[in-house]
PDB file of N, CA and C in Angstrom:
ATOM      1  N   MET A   1       0.683  -1.484   0.553  1.00  0.00           N
ATOM      2  CA  MET A   1       0.346   0.002   0.140  1.00  0.00           C
ATOM      3  C   MET A   1       1.191   0.777  -0.145  1.00  0.00           C
ATOM      4  N   ALA A   2       1.778   1.536   0.884  1.00  0.00           N
ATOM      5  CA  ALA A   2       2.372   2.493   1.001  1.00  0.00           C
ATOM      6  C   ALA A   2       3.143   2.552  -0.317  1.00  0.00           C
ATOM      7  N   ASP A   3       3.990   1.400  -0.628  1.00  0.00           N
ATOM      8  CA  ASP A   3       4.543   1.170  -2.281  1.00  0.00           C
ATOM      9  C   ASP A   3       3.822   1.986  -3.282  1.00  0.00           C
ATOM     10  N   GLN A   4       2.757   1.642  -3.129  1.00  0.00           N
ATOM     11  CA  GLN A   4       1.852   2.759  -4.353  1.00  0.00           C
ATOM     12  C   GLN A   4       1.643   4.097  -4.292  1.00  0.00           C
ATOM     13  N   ASN A   5       1.145   4.049  -2.826  1.00  0.00           N
ATOM     14  CA  ASN A   5       1.323   6.008  -2.415  1.00  0.00           C
ATOM     15  C   ASN A   5       2.214   6.334  -3.026  1.00  0.00           C
ATOM     16  N   LEU A   6       3.475   6.095  -2.623  1.00  0.00           N
ATOM     17  CA  LEU A   6       5.128   6.241  -3.224  1.00  0.00           C
ATOM     18  C   LEU A   6       4.807   6.843  -4.704  1.00  0.00           C
ATOM     19  N   ARG A   7       5.018   5.391  -5.301  1.00  0.00           N
ATOM     20  CA  ARG A   7       4.927   5.339  -6.642  1.00  0.00           C
ATOM     21  C   ARG A   7       3.544   6.629  -7.445  1.00  0.00           C
ATOM     22  N   GLN A   8       2.852   6.661  -7.094  1.00  0.00           N
ATOM     23  CA  GLN A   8       1.938   8.116  -7.113  1.00  0.00           C
ATOM     24  C   GLN A   8       2.535   8.973  -7.179  1.00  0.00           C
ATOM     25  N   ASP A   9       3.206   9.524  -6.333  1.00  0.00           N
ATOM     26  CA  ASP A   9       3.481  10.551  -5.399  1.00  0.00           C
ATOM     27  C   ASP A   9       4.583  11.267  -6.456  1.00  0.00           C
ATOM     28  N   TRP A  10       5.332  10.124  -7.412  1.00  0.00           N
ATOM     29  CA  TRP A  10       7.044  10.462  -8.105  1.00  0.00           C
ATOM     30  C   TRP A  10       6.127  10.510  -9.854  1.00  0.00           C
ATOM     31  N   GLU A  11       4.819   9.789  -9.670  1.00  0.00           N
ATOM     32  CA  GLU A  11       4.718  10.518 -11.671  1.00  0.00           C
ATOM     33  C   GLU A  11       4.601  11.761 -12.040  1.00  0.00           C
ATOM     34  N   TRP A  12       4.942  12.141 -12.520  1.00  0.00           N
ATOM     35  CA  TRP A  12       4.615  13.426 -13.934  1.00  0.00           C
ATOM     36  C   TRP A  12       2.982  13.429 -13.965  1.00  0.00           C
ATOM     37  N   SER A  13       2.442  14.330 -14.175  1.00  0.00           N
ATOM     38  CA  SER A  13       1.613  14.951 -15.231  1.00  0.00           C
ATOM     39  C   SER A  13       1.463  15.296 -16.168  1.00  0.00           C
ATOM     40  N   GLU A  14       0.408  15.360 -17.436  1.00  0.00           N
ATOM     41  CA  GLU A  14       0.754  15.518 -18.868  1.00  0.00           C
ATOM     42  C   GLU A  14       1.766  16.906 -18.648  1.00  0.00           C
ATOM     43  N   LEU A  15       0.886  18.057 -17.666  1.00  0.00           N
ATOM     44  CA  LEU A  15       1.421  19.385 -17.577  1.00  0.00           C
ATOM     45  C   LEU A  15       2.550  19.724 -17.026  1.00  0.00           C
ATOM     46  N   GLU A  16       3.120  18.269 -16.625  1.00  0.00           N
ATOM     47  CA  GLU A  16       4.366  18.425 -15.503  1.00  0.00           C
ATOM     48  C   GLU A  16       5.142  18.567 -16.692  1.00  0.00           C
ATOM     49  N   TRP A  17       4.854  17.235 -17.496  1.00  0.00           N
ATOM     50  CA  TRP A  17       6.001  16.537 -18.821  1.00  0.00           C
ATOM     51  C   TRP A  17       5.679  18.407 -19.858  1.00  0.00           C
ATOM     52  N   GLY A  18       5.259  18.142 -20.110  1.00  0.00           N
ATOM     53  CA  GLY A  18       5.417  19.544 -21.054  1.00  0.00           C
ATOM     54  C   GLY A  18       5.894  20.723 -20.139  1.00  0.00           C
ATOM     55  N   LEU A  19       5.894  21.233 -19.634  1.00  0.00           N
ATOM     56  CA  LEU A  19       7.235  22.320 -18.509  1.00  0.00           C
ATOM     57  C   LEU A  19       7.716  21.518 -19.136  1.00  0.00           C
ATOM     58  N   ALA A  20       8.486  20.097 -18.239  1.00  0.00           N
ATOM     59  CA  ALA A  20       9.694  19.681 -18.819  1.00  0.00           C
ATOM     60  C   ALA A  20      10.521  19.725 -20.102  1.00  0.00           C
ATOM     61  N   ASP A  21      10.029  19.708 -20.477  1.00  0.00           N
ATOM     62  CA  ASP A  21       9.900  19.684 -22.275  1.00  0.00           C
ATOM     63  C   ASP A  21      10.096  21.076 -23.155  1.00  0.00           C
ATOM     64  N   GLU A  22       8.798  21.988 -22.607  1.00  0.00           N
ATOM     65  CA  GLU A  22       9.418  23.387 -22.586  1.00  0.00           C
ATOM     66  C   GLU A  22      10.658  23.484 -22.220  1.00  0.00           C
ATOM     67  N   ALA A  23      11.109  23.199 -20.933  1.00  0.00           N
ATOM     68  CA  ALA A  23      11.992  23.957 -20.750  1.00  0.00           C
ATOM     69  C   ALA A  23      13.566  23.107 -21.232  1.00  0.00           C
ATOM     70  N   LEU A  24      13.610  21.809 -22.144  1.00  0.00           N
ATOM     71  CA  LEU A  24      14.965  21.406 -22.083  1.00  0.00           C
ATOM     72  C   LEU A  24      15.222  22.134 -23.499  1.00  0.00           C
ATOM     73  N   ALA A  25      13.867  21.862 -23.867  1.00  0.00           N
ATOM     74  CA  ALA A  25      13.756  23.023 -25.167  1.00  0.00           C
ATOM     75  C   ALA A  25      14.035  23.783 -25.263  1.00  0.00           C
ATOM     76  N   GLU A  26      13.960  25.202 -24.565  1.00  0.00           N
ATOM     77  CA  GLU A  26      14.780  26.543 -24.698  1.00  0.00           C
ATOM     78  C   GLU A  26      15.933  26.049 -23.714  1.00  0.00           C
ATOM     79  N   HIS A  27      16.377  25.307 -23.891  1.00  0.00           N
ATOM     80  CA  HIS A  27      17.906  25.316 -22.912  1.00  0.00           C
ATOM     81  C   HIS A  27      18.711  25.016 -24.535  1.00  0.00           C
ATOM     82  N   TYR A  28      18.520  23.364 -25.537  1.00  0.00           N
ATOM     83  CA  TYR A  28      18.288  23.058 -26.315  1.00  0.00           C
ATOM     84  C   TYR A  28      19.077  24.735 -27.570  1.00  0.00           C
ATOM     85  N   GLU A  29      17.775  24.853 -27.664  1.00  0.00           N
ATOM     86  CA  GLU A  29      17.963  25.838 -27.981  1.00  0.00           C
ATOM     87  C   GLU A  29      19.207  27.155 -28.225  1.00  0.00           C
ATOM     88  N   SER A  30      19.210  27.879 -26.365  1.00  0.00           N
ATOM     89  CA  SER A  30      19.872  28.391 -26.241  1.00  0.00           C
ATOM     90  C   SER A  30      21.872  27.513 -26.575  1.00  0.00           C
ATOM     91  N   VAL A  31      21.942  26.389 -26.644  1.00  0.00           N
ATOM     92  CA  VAL A  31      23.123  26.003 -27.000  1.00  0.00           C
ATOM     93  C   VAL A  31      23.146  26.007 -28.598  1.00  0.00           C
ATOM     94  N   ARG A  32      22.598  25.341 -28.797  1.00  0.00           N
ATOM     95  CA  ARG A  32      22.373  26.008 -30.968  1.00  0.00           C
ATOM     96  C   ARG A  32      22.716  26.974 -31.156  1.00  0.00           C
ATOM     97  N   HIS A  33      22.089  27.838 -30.050  1.00  0.00           N
ATOM     98  CA  HIS A  33      22.391  30.019 -30.588  1.00  0.00           C
ATOM     99  C   HIS A  33      24.252  30.267 -29.895  1.00  0.00           C
ATOM    100  N   LEU A  34      24.252  29.362 -29.247  1.00  0.00           N
ATOM    101  CA  LEU A  34      25.763  29.005 -28.446  1.00  0.00           C
ATOM    102  C   LEU A  34      27.073  28.804 -29.426  1.00  0.00           C
ATOM    103  N   GLU A  35      26.540  27.564 -29.815  1.00  0.00           N
ATOM    104  CA  GLU A  35      27.874  27.312 -30.407  1.00  0.00           C
ATOM    105  C   GLU A  35      28.061  28.208 -31.873  1.00  0.00           C
ATOM    106  N   THR A  36      26.785  29.291 -32.260  1.00  0.00           N
ATOM    107  CA  THR A  36      27.298  30.121 -34.360  1.00  0.00           C
ATOM    108  C   THR A  36      27.904  30.699 -32.967  1.00  0.00           C
ATOM    109  N   LEU A  37      27.900  31.021 -32.575  1.00  0.00           N
ATOM    110  CA  LEU A  37      28.438  32.584 -31.777  1.00  0.00           C
ATOM    111  C   LEU A  37      30.196  32.551 -32.190  1.00  0.00           C
ATOM    112  N   GLY A  38      31.024  31.218 -31.334  1.00  0.00           N
ATOM    113  CA  GLY A  38      32.391  31.187 -31.850  1.00  0.00           C
ATOM    114  C   GLY A  38      33.762  31.894 -30.713  1.00  0.00           C
ATOM    115  N   LEU A  39      34.428  31.673 -31.056  1.00  0.00           N
ATOM    116  CA  LEU A  39      35.260  32.792 -30.001  1.00  0.00           C
ATOM    117  C   LEU A  39      35.691  34.202 -30.608  1.00  0.00           C
ATOM    118  N   LYS A  40      36.162  35.347 -29.937  1.00  0.00           N
ATOM    119  CA  LYS A  40      36.161  36.722 -30.589  1.00  0.00           C
ATOM    120  C   LYS A  40      37.810  36.635 -30.035  1.00  0.00           C
ATOM    121  N   PRO A  41      38.307  37.097 -31.146  1.00  0.00           N
ATOM    122  CA  PRO A  41      40.073  37.389 -30.397  1.00  0.00           C
ATOM    123  C   PRO A  41      40.569  38.170 -29.773  1.00  0.00           C
ATOM    124  N   LEU A  42      41.712  37.829 -28.984  1.00  0.00           N
ATOM    125  CA  LEU A  42      42.262  38.681 -28.232  1.00  0.00           C
ATOM    126  C   LEU A  42      42.153  40.149 -28.221  1.00  0.00           C
ATOM    127  N   SER A  43      42.183  41.176 -28.245  1.00  0.00           N
ATOM    128  CA  SER A  43      43.235  42.414 -27.802  1.00  0.00           C
ATOM    129  C   SER A  43      45.113  42.549 -28.096  1.00  0.00           C
ATOM    130  N   SER A  44      45.578  42.710 -28.103  1.00  0.00           N
ATOM    131  CA  SER A  44      46.957  42.423 -28.030  1.00  0.00           C
ATOM    132  C   SER A  44      47.381  42.927 -26.921  1.00  0.00           C
ATOM    133  N   GLY A  45      46.692  43.952 -26.092  1.00  0.00           N
ATOM    134  CA  GLY A  45      47.176  43.754 -24.881  1.00  0.00           C
ATOM    135  C   GLY A  45      46.991  42.743 -24.128  1.00  0.00           C
ATOM    136  N   LEU A  46      45.464  42.767 -24.056  1.00  0.00           N
ATOM    137  CA  LEU A  46      45.089  40.974 -23.373  1.00  0.00           C
ATOM    138  C   LEU A  46      46.198  39.838 -23.629  1.00  0.00           C
ATOM    139  N   THR A  47      46.408  39.731 -24.502  1.00  0.00           N
ATOM    140  CA  THR A  47      47.318  38.333 -25.439  1.00  0.00           C
ATOM    141  C   THR A  47      48.566  39.036 -24.708  1.00  0.00           C
ATOM    142  N   VAL A  48      49.371  40.252 -24.496  1.00  0.00           N
ATOM    143  CA  VAL A  48      50.602  40.908 -23.896  1.00  0.00           C
ATOM    144  C   VAL A  48      50.284  40.351 -21.754  1.00  0.00           C
ATOM    145  N   LEU A  49      48.795  41.588 -21.844  1.00  0.00           N
ATOM    146  CA  LEU A  49      48.961  40.463 -20.613  1.00  0.00           C
ATOM    147  C   LEU A  49      48.985  39.354 -20.239  1.00  0.00           C
ATOM    148  N   ILE A  50      48.275  38.577 -20.595  1.00  0.00           N
ATOM    149  CA  ILE A  50      48.036  36.892 -20.305  1.00  0.00           C
ATOM    150  C   ILE A  50      49.703  36.523 -20.561  1.00  0.00           C
ATOM    151  N   TRP A  51      50.343  36.218 -20.575  1.00  0.00           N
ATOM    152  CA  TRP A  51      51.635  35.962 -21.183  1.00  0.00           C
ATOM    153  C   TRP A  51      52.583  36.996 -20.252  1.00  0.00           C
ATOM    154  N   GLY A  52      51.818  37.907 -19.732  1.00  0.00           N
ATOM    155  CA  GLY A  52      52.678  38.506 -18.573  1.00  0.00           C
ATOM    156  C   GLY A  52      52.848  38.084 -17.167  1.00  0.00           C
ATOM    157  N   LEU A  53      51.443  37.376 -17.135  1.00  0.00           N
ATOM    158  CA  LEU A  53      50.937  36.067 -16.573  1.00  0.00           C
ATOM    159  C   LEU A  53      51.222  35.627 -16.082  1.00  0.00           C
ATOM    160  N   ARG A  54      51.710  34.505 -17.066  1.00  0.00           N
ATOM    161  CA  ARG A  54      52.176  33.226 -17.881  1.00  0.00           C
ATOM    162  C   ARG A  54      53.869  33.220 -16.815  1.00  0.00           C
ATOM    163  N   LEU A  55      54.287  34.293 -17.194  1.00  0.00           N
ATOM    164  CA  LEU A  55      56.349  34.702 -17.470  1.00  0.00           C
ATOM    165  C   LEU A  55      56.007  34.567 -15.602  1.00  0.00           C
ATOM    166  N   TYR A  56      55.416  34.868 -15.378  1.00  0.00           N
ATOM    167  CA  TYR A  56      55.239  35.880 -13.302  1.00  0.00           C
ATOM    168  C   TYR A  56      55.427  34.998 -12.513  1.00  0.00           C
ATOM    169  N   VAL A  57      53.927  33.800 -13.217  1.00  0.00           N
ATOM    170  CA  VAL A  57      53.892  32.657 -12.346  1.00  0.00           C
ATOM    171  C   VAL A  57      54.883  31.759 -12.922  1.00  0.00           C
ATOM    172  N   LEU A  58      55.968  31.464 -13.751  1.00  0.00           N
ATOM    173  CA  LEU A  58      56.647  30.613 -13.924  1.00  0.00           C
ATOM    174  C   LEU A  58      57.705  30.947 -13.165  1.00  0.00           C
ATOM    175  N   PHE A  59      58.325  32.161 -13.134  1.00  0.00           N
ATOM    176  CA  PHE A  59      59.224  33.268 -12.223  1.00  0.00           C
ATOM    177  C   PHE A  59      58.364  32.718 -10.487  1.00  0.00           C
ATOM    178  N   MET A  60      57.646  33.109 -10.070  1.00  0.00           N
ATOM    179  CA  MET A  60      57.809  32.907  -8.528  1.00  0.00           C
ATOM    180  C   MET A  60      57.219  30.687  -8.453  1.00  0.00           C
ATOM    181  N   ALA A  61      57.352  30.275  -9.211  1.00  0.00           N
ATOM    182  CA  ALA A  61      57.407  28.994  -9.003  1.00  0.00           C
ATOM    183  C   ALA A  61      58.812  28.662  -8.986  1.00  0.00           C
ATOM    184  N   VAL A  62      59.887  28.874  -9.629  1.00  0.00           N
ATOM    185  CA  VAL A  62      61.449  29.328  -9.484  1.00  0.00           C
ATOM    186  C   VAL A  62      61.226  29.992  -7.963  1.00  0.00           C
ATOM    187  N   VAL A  63      61.217  30.873  -7.991  1.00  0.00           N
ATOM    188  CA  VAL A  63      61.511  31.830  -6.161  1.00  0.00           C
ATOM    189  C   VAL A  63      61.182  30.569  -5.283  1.00  0.00           C
ATOM    190  N   VAL A  64      59.892  31.000  -5.465  1.00  0.00           N
ATOM    191  CA  VAL A  64      59.930  29.111  -3.887  1.00  0.00           C
ATOM    192  C   VAL A  64      60.350  27.749  -3.767  1.00  0.00           C
ATOM    193  N   ILE A  65      61.149  27.431  -5.490  1.00  0.00           N
ATOM    194  CA  ILE A  65      61.850  26.641  -5.557  1.00  0.00           C
ATOM    195  C   ILE A  65      62.943  26.411  -4.738  1.00  0.00           C
ATOM    196  N   VAL A  66      63.514  27.349  -5.303  1.00  0.00           N
ATOM    197  CA  VAL A  66      65.341  28.034  -4.510  1.00  0.00           C
ATOM    198  C   VAL A  66      65.018  28.343  -3.419  1.00  0.00           C
ATOM    199  N   ASN A  67      63.835  28.510  -2.698  1.00  0.00           N
ATOM    200  CA  ASN A  67      64.001  29.358  -1.283  1.00  0.00           C
ATOM    201  C   ASN A  67      63.342  27.882  -0.933  1.00  0.00           C
ATOM    202  N   VAL A  68      63.295  27.098  -1.303  1.00  0.00           N
ATOM    203  CA  VAL A  68      63.280  25.902  -0.455  1.00  0.00           C
ATOM    204  C   VAL A  68      63.888  25.213  -0.446  1.00  0.00           C
ATOM    205  N   VAL A  69      64.995  24.680  -1.480  1.00  0.00           N
ATOM    206  CA  VAL A  69      66.309  24.301  -1.764  1.00  0.00           C
ATOM    207  C   VAL A  69      67.589  24.891  -0.690  1.00  0.00           C
ATOM    208  N   GLN A  70      67.250  26.216  -0.343  1.00  0.00           N
ATOM    209  CA  GLN A  70      67.982  26.848   0.868  1.00  0.00           C
ATOM    210  C   GLN A  70      67.597  26.101   2.145  1.00  0.00           C
ATOM    211  N   THR A  71      66.197  26.396   2.358  1.00  0.00           N
ATOM    212  CA  THR A  71      66.438  26.232   3.468  1.00  0.00           C
ATOM    213  C   THR A  71      65.974  25.115   3.809  1.00  0.00           C
ATOM    214  N   VAL A  72      66.364  23.605   2.508  1.00  0.00           N
ATOM    215  CA  VAL A  72      66.457  22.736   3.368  1.00  0.00           C
ATOM    216  C   VAL A  72      67.642  21.977   3.304  1.00  0.00           C
ATOM    217  N   HIS A  73      68.543  23.101   2.769  1.00  0.00           N
ATOM    218  CA  HIS A  73      69.934  22.282   2.917  1.00  0.00           C
ATOM    219  C   HIS A  73      70.699  23.936   4.071  1.00  0.00           C
TER     220      HIS A  73
END
């Protein structure tokens, strides 16, 4: 008896299925739209900034490694 009540609680009505299908259709439409947009090229200033940050991270990694080696010895 409890199993039947639980099963009835989990069954969706036609209205709920329709709302779910509508939400998924909107989602798939927006995904298709985003795929057609593509990527914009980065400006030269932003490219330089990104490369500068990469070099800074590498430099700081070397500083940390040297610091750890000096501390251990």
